[in-house]
């Protein structure tokens, strides 16, 4: 459970950082890197950053769903363990136990 929470936090922080790198008008921090990468024949940095953004968003969604499912499953297990069925006690037995003490 803690492991999933840590993964969600890491994915969220990375997603924030990747989104901050981008600029909606194409002049973000990755614009300087894109010109250098194109000269070496690599993919545009903007395309890579966009794919990383979508990947992190998908990972965040999947991890959140898994976390929610595991919480609901653990709650059901706890309810089953704590579920005590009422036992009907015969009043005569109770009186006998109190007199014997």
PDB file of N, CA and C in Angstrom:
ATOM      1  N   UNK A   1       0.813  -1.184   0.000  1.00  0.00           N
ATOM      2  CA  UNK A   1       0.000   0.000   0.000  1.00  0.00           C
ATOM      3  C   UNK A   1       0.864   1.258   0.000  1.00  0.00           C
ATOM      4  N   UNK A   2       1.874   1.270   0.846  1.00  0.00           N
ATOM      5  CA  UNK A   2       2.779   2.418   0.912  1.00  0.00           C
ATOM      6  C   UNK A   2       3.567   2.530  -0.393  1.00  0.00           C
ATOM      7  N   UNK A   3       3.907   1.378  -0.956  1.00  0.00           N
ATOM      8  CA  UNK A   3       4.655   1.361  -2.215  1.00  0.00           C
ATOM      9  C   UNK A   3       3.857   2.031  -3.328  1.00  0.00           C
ATOM     10  N   UNK A   4       2.564   1.747  -3.402  1.00  0.00           N
ATOM     11  CA  UNK A   4       1.716   2.377  -4.413  1.00  0.00           C
ATOM     12  C   UNK A   4       1.629   3.885  -4.197  1.00  0.00           C
ATOM     13  N   UNK A   5       1.531   4.293  -2.952  1.00  0.00           N
ATOM     14  CA  UNK A   5       1.465   5.731  -2.651  1.00  0.00           C
ATOM     15  C   UNK A   5       2.744   6.445  -3.079  1.00  0.00           C
ATOM     16  N   UNK A   6       3.870   5.812  -2.843  1.00  0.00           N
ATOM     17  CA  UNK A   6       5.148   6.408  -3.244  1.00  0.00           C
ATOM     18  C   UNK A   6       5.241   6.505  -4.760  1.00  0.00           C
ATOM     19  N   UNK A   7       4.796   5.451  -5.464  1.00  0.00           N
ATOM     20  CA  UNK A   7       4.808   5.485  -6.931  1.00  0.00           C
ATOM     21  C   UNK A   7       3.891   6.578  -7.478  1.00  0.00           C
ATOM     22  N   UNK A   8       2.737   6.768  -6.846  1.00  0.00           N
ATOM     23  CA  UNK A   8       1.804   7.815  -7.286  1.00  0.00           C
ATOM     24  C   UNK A   8       2.428   9.195  -7.084  1.00  0.00           C
ATOM     25  N   UNK A   9       3.092   9.400  -5.960  1.00  0.00           N
ATOM     26  CA  UNK A   9       3.730  10.692  -5.696  1.00  0.00           C
ATOM     27  C   UNK A   9       4.849  10.959  -6.694  1.00  0.00           C
ATOM     28  N   UNK A  10       5.661   9.939  -6.967  1.00  0.00           N
ATOM     29  CA  UNK A  10       6.760  10.102  -7.934  1.00  0.00           C
ATOM     30  C   UNK A  10       6.208  10.427  -9.315  1.00  0.00           C
ATOM     31  N   UNK A  11       5.173   9.690  -9.743  1.00  0.00           N
ATOM     32  CA  UNK A  11       4.580   9.944 -11.060  1.00  0.00           C
ATOM     33  C   UNK A  11       3.985  11.347 -11.129  1.00  0.00           C
ATOM     34  N   UNK A  12       3.347  11.792 -10.065  1.00  0.00           N
ATOM     35  CA  UNK A  12       2.745  13.127 -10.056  1.00  0.00           C
ATOM     36  C   UNK A  12       3.810  14.223 -10.137  1.00  0.00           C
ATOM     37  N   UNK A  13       4.884  14.068  -9.385  1.00  0.00           N
ATOM     38  CA  UNK A  13       5.959  15.077  -9.409  1.00  0.00           C
ATOM     39  C   UNK A  13       6.628  15.108 -10.786  1.00  0.00           C
ATOM     40  N   UNK A  14       6.894  13.937 -11.351  1.00  0.00           N
ATOM     41  CA  UNK A  14       7.493  13.896 -12.685  1.00  0.00           C
ATOM     42  C   UNK A  14       6.569  14.508 -13.729  1.00  0.00           C
ATOM     43  N   UNK A  15       5.278  14.251 -13.604  1.00  0.00           N
ATOM     44  CA  UNK A  15       4.316  14.833 -14.540  1.00  0.00           C
ATOM     45  C   UNK A  15       4.307  16.356 -14.433  1.00  0.00           C
ATOM     46  N   UNK A  16       4.370  16.863 -13.224  1.00  0.00           N
ATOM     47  CA  UNK A  16       4.427  18.321 -13.032  1.00  0.00           C
ATOM     48  C   UNK A  16       5.671  18.901 -13.698  1.00  0.00           C
ATOM     49  N   UNK A  17       6.798  18.246 -13.483  1.00  0.00           N
ATOM     50  CA  UNK A  17       8.048  18.742 -14.071  1.00  0.00           C
ATOM     51  C   UNK A  17       8.017  18.705 -15.595  1.00  0.00           C
ATOM     52  N   UNK A  18       7.488  17.629 -16.156  1.00  0.00           N
ATOM     53  CA  UNK A  18       7.438  17.511 -17.613  1.00  0.00           C
ATOM     54  C   UNK A  18       6.493  18.551 -18.201  1.00  0.00           C
ATOM     55  N   UNK A  19       5.383  18.799 -17.537  1.00  0.00           N
ATOM     56  CA  UNK A  19       4.448  19.808 -18.033  1.00  0.00           C
ATOM     57  C   UNK A  19       5.066  21.197 -17.940  1.00  0.00           C
ATOM     58  N   UNK A  20       5.830  21.465 -16.896  1.00  0.00           N
ATOM     59  CA  UNK A  20       6.484  22.770 -16.776  1.00  0.00           C
ATOM     60  C   UNK A  20       7.546  22.982 -17.845  1.00  0.00           C
ATOM     61  N   UNK A  21       8.133  21.908 -18.318  1.00  0.00           N
ATOM     62  CA  UNK A  21       9.134  22.024 -19.388  1.00  0.00           C
ATOM     63  C   UNK A  21       8.475  22.470 -20.680  1.00  0.00           C
ATOM     64  N   UNK A  22       7.260  22.026 -20.908  1.00  0.00           N
ATOM     65  CA  UNK A  22       6.557  22.345 -22.147  1.00  0.00           C
ATOM     66  C   UNK A  22       6.078  23.789 -22.144  1.00  0.00           C
ATOM     67  N   UNK A  23       5.884  24.299 -23.352  1.00  0.00           N
ATOM     68  CA  UNK A  23       5.277  25.609 -23.528  1.00  0.00           C
ATOM     69  C   UNK A  23       4.235  25.470 -24.618  1.00  0.00           C
ATOM     70  N   UNK A  24       3.061  25.995 -24.389  1.00  0.00           N
ATOM     71  CA  UNK A  24       1.970  25.821 -25.343  1.00  0.00           C
ATOM     72  C   UNK A  24       2.272  26.454 -26.695  1.00  0.00           C
ATOM     73  N   UNK A  25       3.161  27.435 -26.743  1.00  0.00           N
ATOM     74  CA  UNK A  25       3.482  28.116 -27.998  1.00  0.00           C
ATOM     75  C   UNK A  25       4.770  27.575 -28.626  1.00  0.00           C
ATOM     76  N   UNK A  26       5.311  26.512 -28.083  1.00  0.00           N
ATOM     77  CA  UNK A  26       6.489  25.905 -28.686  1.00  0.00           C
ATOM     78  C   UNK A  26       7.796  26.558 -28.297  1.00  0.00           C
ATOM     79  N   UNK A  27       7.808  27.435 -27.324  1.00  0.00           N
ATOM     80  CA  UNK A  27       9.028  28.096 -26.939  1.00  0.00           C
ATOM     81  C   UNK A  27       9.477  27.733 -25.540  1.00  0.00           C
ATOM     82  N   UNK A  28       9.161  26.527 -25.094  1.00  0.00           N
ATOM     83  CA  UNK A  28       9.492  26.114 -23.737  1.00  0.00           C
ATOM     84  C   UNK A  28      10.967  25.758 -23.601  1.00  0.00           C
ATOM     85  N   UNK A  29      11.307  25.176 -22.489  1.00  0.00           N
ATOM     86  CA  UNK A  29      12.689  24.787 -22.243  1.00  0.00           C
ATOM     87  C   UNK A  29      13.191  23.763 -23.246  1.00  0.00           C
ATOM     88  N   UNK A  30      12.271  22.975 -23.807  1.00  0.00           N
ATOM     89  CA  UNK A  30      12.691  21.959 -24.749  1.00  0.00           C
ATOM     90  C   UNK A  30      12.976  22.509 -26.139  1.00  0.00           C
ATOM     91  N   UNK A  31      12.685  23.781 -26.416  1.00  0.00           N
ATOM     92  CA  UNK A  31      12.921  24.330 -27.751  1.00  0.00           C
ATOM     93  C   UNK A  31      14.410  24.405 -28.065  1.00  0.00           C
ATOM     94  N   UNK A  32      15.242  24.705 -27.074  1.00  0.00           N
ATOM     95  CA  UNK A  32      16.686  24.747 -27.306  1.00  0.00           C
ATOM     96  C   UNK A  32      17.246  23.348 -27.515  1.00  0.00           C
ATOM     97  N   UNK A  33      16.709  22.395 -26.788  1.00  0.00           N
ATOM     98  CA  UNK A  33      17.172  21.017 -26.937  1.00  0.00           C
ATOM     99  C   UNK A  33      16.720  20.406 -28.249  1.00  0.00           C
ATOM    100  N   UNK A  34      15.578  20.815 -28.752  1.00  0.00           N
ATOM    101  CA  UNK A  34      15.038  20.254 -29.984  1.00  0.00           C
ATOM    102  C   UNK A  34      15.950  20.554 -31.163  1.00  0.00           C
ATOM    103  N   UNK A  35      16.472  21.760 -31.234  1.00  0.00           N
ATOM    104  CA  UNK A  35      17.340  22.108 -32.361  1.00  0.00           C
ATOM    105  C   UNK A  35      18.641  21.315 -32.319  1.00  0.00           C
ATOM    106  N   UNK A  36      19.154  21.032 -31.130  1.00  0.00           N
ATOM    107  CA  UNK A  36      20.375  20.236 -31.009  1.00  0.00           C
ATOM    108  C   UNK A  36      20.119  18.781 -31.376  1.00  0.00           C
ATOM    109  N   UNK A  37      18.989  18.232 -30.954  1.00  0.00           N
ATOM    110  CA  UNK A  37      18.678  16.846 -31.253  1.00  0.00           C
ATOM    111  C   UNK A  37      18.382  16.622 -32.724  1.00  0.00           C
ATOM    112  N   UNK A  38      17.801  17.591 -33.400  1.00  0.00           N
ATOM    113  CA  UNK A  38      17.482  17.432 -34.810  1.00  0.00           C
ATOM    114  C   UNK A  38      18.757  17.370 -35.640  1.00  0.00           C
ATOM    115  N   UNK A  39      19.799  18.029 -35.220  1.00  0.00           N
ATOM    116  CA  UNK A  39      21.036  18.000 -35.988  1.00  0.00           C
ATOM    117  C   UNK A  39      21.697  16.633 -35.933  1.00  0.00           C
ATOM    118  N   UNK A  40      21.388  15.846 -34.904  1.00  0.00           N
ATOM    119  CA  UNK A  40      21.935  14.501 -34.791  1.00  0.00           C
ATOM    120  C   UNK A  40      20.985  13.448 -35.341  1.00  0.00           C
ATOM    121  N   UNK A  41      19.855  13.857 -35.877  1.00  0.00           N
ATOM    122  CA  UNK A  41      18.914  12.930 -36.482  1.00  0.00           C
ATOM    123  C   UNK A  41      17.971  12.269 -35.485  1.00  0.00           C
ATOM    124  N   UNK A  42      17.942  12.719 -34.271  1.00  0.00           N
ATOM    125  CA  UNK A  42      17.034  12.137 -33.274  1.00  0.00           C
ATOM    126  C   UNK A  42      15.646  12.741 -33.436  1.00  0.00           C
ATOM    127  N   UNK A  43      14.673  12.130 -32.778  1.00  0.00           N
ATOM    128  CA  UNK A  43      13.313  12.665 -32.821  1.00  0.00           C
ATOM    129  C   UNK A  43      13.286  14.044 -32.177  1.00  0.00           C
ATOM    130  N   UNK A  44      12.282  14.803 -32.518  1.00  0.00           N
ATOM    131  CA  UNK A  44      12.123  16.108 -31.884  1.00  0.00           C
ATOM    132  C   UNK A  44      11.882  15.927 -30.396  1.00  0.00           C
ATOM    133  N   UNK A  45      12.444  16.811 -29.631  1.00  0.00           N
ATOM    134  CA  UNK A  45      12.273  16.744 -28.181  1.00  0.00           C
ATOM    135  C   UNK A  45      10.823  16.998 -27.795  1.00  0.00           C
ATOM    136  N   UNK A  46      10.148  17.825 -28.552  1.00  0.00           N
ATOM    137  CA  UNK A  46       8.750  18.096 -28.226  1.00  0.00           C
ATOM    138  C   UNK A  46       7.912  16.831 -28.333  1.00  0.00           C
ATOM    139  N   UNK A  47       8.205  15.993 -29.319  1.00  0.00           N
ATOM    140  CA  UNK A  47       7.470  14.735 -29.457  1.00  0.00           C
ATOM    141  C   UNK A  47       7.785  13.808 -28.288  1.00  0.00           C
ATOM    142  N   UNK A  48       9.028  13.777 -27.882  1.00  0.00           N
ATOM    143  CA  UNK A  48       9.430  12.915 -26.762  1.00  0.00           C
ATOM    144  C   UNK A  48       8.778  13.396 -25.469  1.00  0.00           C
ATOM    145  N   UNK A  49       8.811  14.701 -25.256  1.00  0.00           N
ATOM    146  CA  UNK A  49       8.215  15.260 -24.042  1.00  0.00           C
ATOM    147  C   UNK A  49       6.711  15.000 -24.027  1.00  0.00           C
ATOM    148  N   UNK A  50       6.064  15.093 -25.179  1.00  0.00           N
ATOM    149  CA  UNK A  50       4.625  14.827 -25.247  1.00  0.00           C
ATOM    150  C   UNK A  50       4.322  13.359 -24.930  1.00  0.00           C
ATOM    151  N   UNK A  51       5.136  12.455 -25.445  1.00  0.00           N
ATOM    152  CA  UNK A  51       4.934  11.032 -25.160  1.00  0.00           C
ATOM    153  C   UNK A  51       5.170  10.729 -23.684  1.00  0.00           C
ATOM    154  N   UNK A  52       6.182  11.361 -23.092  1.00  0.00           N
ATOM    155  CA  UNK A  52       6.450  11.169 -21.669  1.00  0.00           C
ATOM    156  C   UNK A  52       5.281  11.695 -20.843  1.00  0.00           C
ATOM    157  N   UNK A  53       4.714  12.829 -21.260  1.00  0.00           N
ATOM    158  CA  UNK A  53       3.575  13.404 -20.552  1.00  0.00           C
ATOM    159  C   UNK A  53       2.394  12.442 -20.566  1.00  0.00           C
ATOM    160  N   UNK A  54       2.068  11.919 -21.736  1.00  0.00           N
ATOM    161  CA  UNK A  54       0.947  10.973 -21.837  1.00  0.00           C
ATOM    162  C   UNK A  54       1.233   9.695 -21.067  1.00  0.00           C
ATOM    163  N   UNK A  55       2.467   9.222 -21.110  1.00  0.00           N
ATOM    164  CA  UNK A  55       2.824   8.011 -20.375  1.00  0.00           C
ATOM    165  C   UNK A  55       2.700   8.190 -18.865  1.00  0.00           C
ATOM    166  N   UNK A  56       3.174   9.320 -18.369  1.00  0.00           N
ATOM    167  CA  UNK A  56       3.059   9.594 -16.933  1.00  0.00           C
ATOM    168  C   UNK A  56       1.608   9.787 -16.509  1.00  0.00           C
ATOM    169  N   UNK A  57       0.819  10.438 -17.357  1.00  0.00           N
ATOM    170  CA  UNK A  57      -0.598  10.613 -17.040  1.00  0.00           C
ATOM    171  C   UNK A  57      -1.305   9.255 -16.979  1.00  0.00           C
ATOM    172  N   UNK A  58      -1.005   8.388 -17.930  1.00  0.00           N
ATOM    173  CA  UNK A  58      -1.605   7.047 -17.938  1.00  0.00           C
ATOM    174  C   UNK A  58      -1.155   6.246 -16.718  1.00  0.00           C
ATOM    175  N   UNK A  59       0.123   6.346 -16.382  1.00  0.00           N
ATOM    176  CA  UNK A  59       0.645   5.628 -15.211  1.00  0.00           C
ATOM    177  C   UNK A  59      -0.024   6.125 -13.935  1.00  0.00           C
ATOM    178  N   UNK A  60      -0.236   7.423 -13.841  1.00  0.00           N
ATOM    179  CA  UNK A  60      -0.888   7.996 -12.668  1.00  0.00           C
ATOM    180  C   UNK A  60      -2.326   7.496 -12.538  1.00  0.00           C
ATOM    181  N   UNK A  61      -3.025   7.417 -13.652  1.00  0.00           N
ATOM    182  CA  UNK A  61      -4.407   6.923 -13.640  1.00  0.00           C
ATOM    183  C   UNK A  61      -4.449   5.453 -13.231  1.00  0.00           C
ATOM    184  N   UNK A  62      -3.580   4.641 -13.831  1.00  0.00           N
ATOM    185  CA  UNK A  62      -3.556   3.208 -13.535  1.00  0.00           C
ATOM    186  C   UNK A  62      -3.182   2.965 -12.076  1.00  0.00           C
ATOM    187  N   UNK A  63      -2.163   3.653 -11.589  1.00  0.00           N
ATOM    188  CA  UNK A  63      -1.763   3.486 -10.193  1.00  0.00           C
ATOM    189  C   UNK A  63      -2.861   3.918  -9.228  1.00  0.00           C
ATOM    190  N   UNK A  64      -3.584   4.969  -9.571  1.00  0.00           N
ATOM    191  CA  UNK A  64      -4.686   5.420  -8.714  1.00  0.00           C
ATOM    192  C   UNK A  64      -5.806   4.390  -8.665  1.00  0.00           C
ATOM    193  N   UNK A  65      -6.121   3.796  -9.804  1.00  0.00           N
ATOM    194  CA  UNK A  65      -7.165   2.768  -9.839  1.00  0.00           C
ATOM    195  C   UNK A  65      -6.738   1.542  -9.044  1.00  0.00           C
ATOM    196  N   UNK A  66      -5.490   1.118  -9.210  1.00  0.00           N
ATOM    197  CA  UNK A  66      -4.986  -0.034  -8.465  1.00  0.00           C
ATOM    198  C   UNK A  66      -5.009   0.254  -6.967  1.00  0.00           C
ATOM    199  N   UNK A  67      -4.613   1.453  -6.594  1.00  0.00           N
ATOM    200  CA  UNK A  67      -4.614   1.836  -5.185  1.00  0.00           C
ATOM    201  C   UNK A  67      -6.027   1.816  -4.610  1.00  0.00           C
ATOM    202  N   UNK A  68      -6.983   2.330  -5.358  1.00  0.00           N
ATOM    203  CA  UNK A  68      -8.371   2.340  -4.904  1.00  0.00           C
ATOM    204  C   UNK A  68      -8.903   0.919  -4.745  1.00  0.00           C
ATOM    205  N   UNK A  69      -8.593   0.056  -5.695  1.00  0.00           N
ATOM    206  CA  UNK A  69      -9.045  -1.339  -5.611  1.00  0.00           C
ATOM    207  C   UNK A  69      -8.422  -2.039  -4.404  1.00  0.00           C
ATOM    208  N   UNK A  70      -7.141  -1.787  -4.151  1.00  0.00           N
ATOM    209  CA  UNK A  70      -6.490  -2.451  -3.023  1.00  0.00           C
ATOM    210  C   UNK A  70      -7.021  -1.935  -1.693  1.00  0.00           C
ATOM    211  N   UNK A  71      -7.396  -0.655  -1.625  1.00  0.00           N
ATOM    212  CA  UNK A  71      -7.979  -0.117  -0.397  1.00  0.00           C
ATOM    213  C   UNK A  71      -9.340  -0.756  -0.142  1.00  0.00           C
ATOM    214  N   UNK A  72     -10.166  -0.852  -1.180  1.00  0.00           N
ATOM    215  CA  UNK A  72     -11.500  -1.436  -0.989  1.00  0.00           C
ATOM    216  C   UNK A  72     -11.397  -2.917  -0.650  1.00  0.00           C
ATOM    217  N   UNK A  73     -10.421  -3.619  -1.200  1.00  0.00           N
ATOM    218  CA  UNK A  73     -10.228  -5.031  -0.888  1.00  0.00           C
ATOM    219  C   UNK A  73      -9.770  -5.202   0.559  1.00  0.00           C
ATOM    220  N   UNK A  74      -8.855  -4.365   1.010  1.00  0.00           N
ATOM    221  CA  UNK A  74      -8.384  -4.477   2.393  1.00  0.00           C
ATOM    222  C   UNK A  74      -9.483  -4.098   3.378  1.00  0.00           C
ATOM    223  N   UNK A  75     -10.359  -3.155   3.017  1.00  0.00           N
ATOM    224  CA  UNK A  75     -11.487  -2.808   3.885  1.00  0.00           C
ATOM    225  C   UNK A  75     -12.449  -3.985   4.015  1.00  0.00           C
ATOM    226  N   UNK A  76     -12.681  -4.692   2.920  1.00  0.00           N
ATOM    227  CA  UNK A  76     -13.572  -5.844   2.977  1.00  0.00           C
ATOM    228  C   UNK A  76     -12.990  -6.932   3.867  1.00  0.00           C
ATOM    229  N   UNK A  77     -11.687  -7.127   3.801  1.00  0.00           N
ATOM    230  CA  UNK A  77     -11.029  -8.136   4.628  1.00  0.00           C
ATOM    231  C   UNK A  77     -11.148  -7.740   6.097  1.00  0.00           C
ATOM    232  N   UNK A  78     -10.939  -6.465   6.398  1.00  0.00           N
ATOM    233  CA  UNK A  78     -11.059  -6.008   7.774  1.00  0.00           C
ATOM    234  C   UNK A  78     -12.482  -6.177   8.287  1.00  0.00           C
ATOM    235  N   UNK A  79     -13.460  -5.901   7.442  1.00  0.00           N
ATOM    236  CA  UNK A  79     -14.843  -6.067   7.861  1.00  0.00           C
ATOM    237  C   UNK A  79     -15.157  -7.536   8.136  1.00  0.00           C
ATOM    238  N   UNK A  80     -14.607  -8.450   7.328  1.00  0.00           N
ATOM    239  CA  UNK A  80     -14.844  -9.866   7.546  1.00  0.00           C
ATOM    240  C   UNK A  80     -14.212 -10.332   8.852  1.00  0.00           C
ATOM    241  N   UNK A  81     -13.023  -9.819   9.184  1.00  0.00           N
ATOM    242  CA  UNK A  81     -12.346 -10.213  10.412  1.00  0.00           C
ATOM    243  C   UNK A  81     -13.058  -9.669  11.645  1.00  0.00           C
ATOM    244  N   UNK A  82     -13.590  -8.482  11.553  1.00  0.00           N
ATOM    245  CA  UNK A  82     -14.239  -7.850  12.701  1.00  0.00           C
ATOM    246  C   UNK A  82     -15.720  -8.179  12.803  1.00  0.00           C
ATOM    247  N   UNK A  83     -16.239  -8.876  11.832  1.00  0.00           N
ATOM    248  CA  UNK A  83     -17.660  -9.207  11.829  1.00  0.00           C
ATOM    249  C   UNK A  83     -17.933 -10.288  12.872  1.00  0.00           C
ATOM    250  N   UNK A  84     -18.577  -9.902  13.936  1.00  0.00           N
ATOM    251  CA  UNK A  84     -18.907 -10.882  14.965  1.00  0.00           C
ATOM    252  C   UNK A  84     -20.413 -11.043  14.999  1.00  0.00           C
ATOM    253  N   UNK A  85     -20.843 -12.253  14.853  1.00  0.00           N
ATOM    254  CA  UNK A  85     -22.271 -12.510  14.870  1.00  0.00           C
ATOM    255  C   UNK A  85     -22.747 -12.565  16.312  1.00  0.00           C
ATOM    256  N   UNK A  86     -23.866 -11.959  16.602  1.00  0.00           N
ATOM    257  CA  UNK A  86     -24.355 -11.954  17.976  1.00  0.00           C
ATOM    258  C   UNK A  86     -24.719 -13.372  18.421  1.00  0.00           C
ATOM    259  N   UNK A  87     -24.341 -13.669  19.625  1.00  0.00           N
ATOM    260  CA  UNK A  87     -24.618 -14.976  20.193  1.00  0.00           C
ATOM    261  C   UNK A  87     -25.731 -14.802  21.214  1.00  0.00           C
ATOM    262  N   UNK A  88     -26.742 -15.657  21.110  1.00  0.00           N
ATOM    263  CA  UNK A  88     -27.861 -15.570  22.035  1.00  0.00           C
ATOM    264  C   UNK A  88     -27.491 -16.301  23.324  1.00  0.00           C
ATOM    265  N   UNK A  89     -27.584 -15.582  24.420  1.00  0.00           N
ATOM    266  CA  UNK A  89     -27.210 -16.138  25.714  1.00  0.00           C
ATOM    267  C   UNK A  89     -28.479 -16.468  26.489  1.00  0.00           C
ATOM    268  N   UNK A  90     -28.495 -17.658  27.056  1.00  0.00           N
ATOM    269  CA  UNK A  90     -29.626 -18.085  27.874  1.00  0.00           C
ATOM    270  C   UNK A  90     -29.520 -17.388  29.237  1.00  0.00           C
ATOM    271  N   UNK A  91     -30.546 -16.686  29.688  1.00  0.00           N
ATOM    272  CA  UNK A  91     -30.470 -15.943  30.956  1.00  0.00           C
ATOM    273  C   UNK A  91     -30.178 -16.842  32.152  1.00  0.00           C
ATOM    274  N   UNK A  92     -30.605 -18.086  32.109  1.00  0.00           N
ATOM    275  CA  UNK A  92     -30.339 -18.975  33.245  1.00  0.00           C
ATOM    276  C   UNK A  92     -28.861 -19.319  33.347  1.00  0.00           C
ATOM    277  N   UNK A  93     -28.200 -19.462  32.208  1.00  0.00           N
ATOM    278  CA  UNK A  93     -26.758 -19.737  32.210  1.00  0.00           C
ATOM    279  C   UNK A  93     -26.002 -18.543  32.761  1.00  0.00           C
ATOM    280  N   UNK A  94     -26.449 -17.349  32.407  1.00  0.00           N
ATOM    281  CA  UNK A  94     -25.781 -16.140  32.876  1.00  0.00           C
ATOM    282  C   UNK A  94     -25.914 -15.996  34.379  1.00  0.00           C
ATOM    283  N   UNK A  95     -27.076 -16.329  34.912  1.00  0.00           N
ATOM    284  CA  UNK A  95     -27.275 -16.251  36.352  1.00  0.00           C
ATOM    285  C   UNK A  95     -26.423 -17.274  37.085  1.00  0.00           C
ATOM    286  N   UNK A  96     -26.285 -18.459  36.503  1.00  0.00           N
ATOM    287  CA  UNK A  96     -25.471 -19.499  37.111  1.00  0.00           C
ATOM    288  C   UNK A  96     -24.001 -19.097  37.142  1.00  0.00           C
ATOM    289  N   UNK A  97     -23.540 -18.438  36.057  1.00  0.00           N
ATOM    290  CA  UNK A  97     -22.138 -17.982  36.005  1.00  0.00           C
ATOM    291  C   UNK A  97     -21.890 -16.889  37.029  1.00  0.00           C
ATOM    292  N   UNK A  98     -22.854 -15.995  37.241  1.00  0.00           N
ATOM    293  CA  UNK A  98     -22.694 -14.923  38.211  1.00  0.00           C
ATOM    294  C   UNK A  98     -22.730 -15.453  39.648  1.00  0.00           C
ATOM    295  N   UNK A  99     -23.538 -16.472  39.895  1.00  0.00           N
ATOM    296  CA  UNK A  99     -23.609 -17.043  41.245  1.00  0.00           C
ATOM    297  C   UNK A  99     -22.353 -17.816  41.583  1.00  0.00           C
ATOM    298  N   UNK A 100     -21.726 -18.419  40.595  1.00  0.00           N
ATOM    299  CA  UNK A 100     -20.529 -19.217  40.827  1.00  0.00           C
ATOM    300  C   UNK A 100     -19.314 -18.359  41.107  1.00  0.00           C
ATOM    301  N   UNK A 101     -19.352 -17.089  40.782  1.00  0.00           N
ATOM    302  CA  UNK A 101     -18.183 -16.240  40.978  1.00  0.00           C
ATOM    303  C   UNK A 101     -18.035 -15.749  42.359  1.00  0.00           C
TER     304      UNK A 101
END
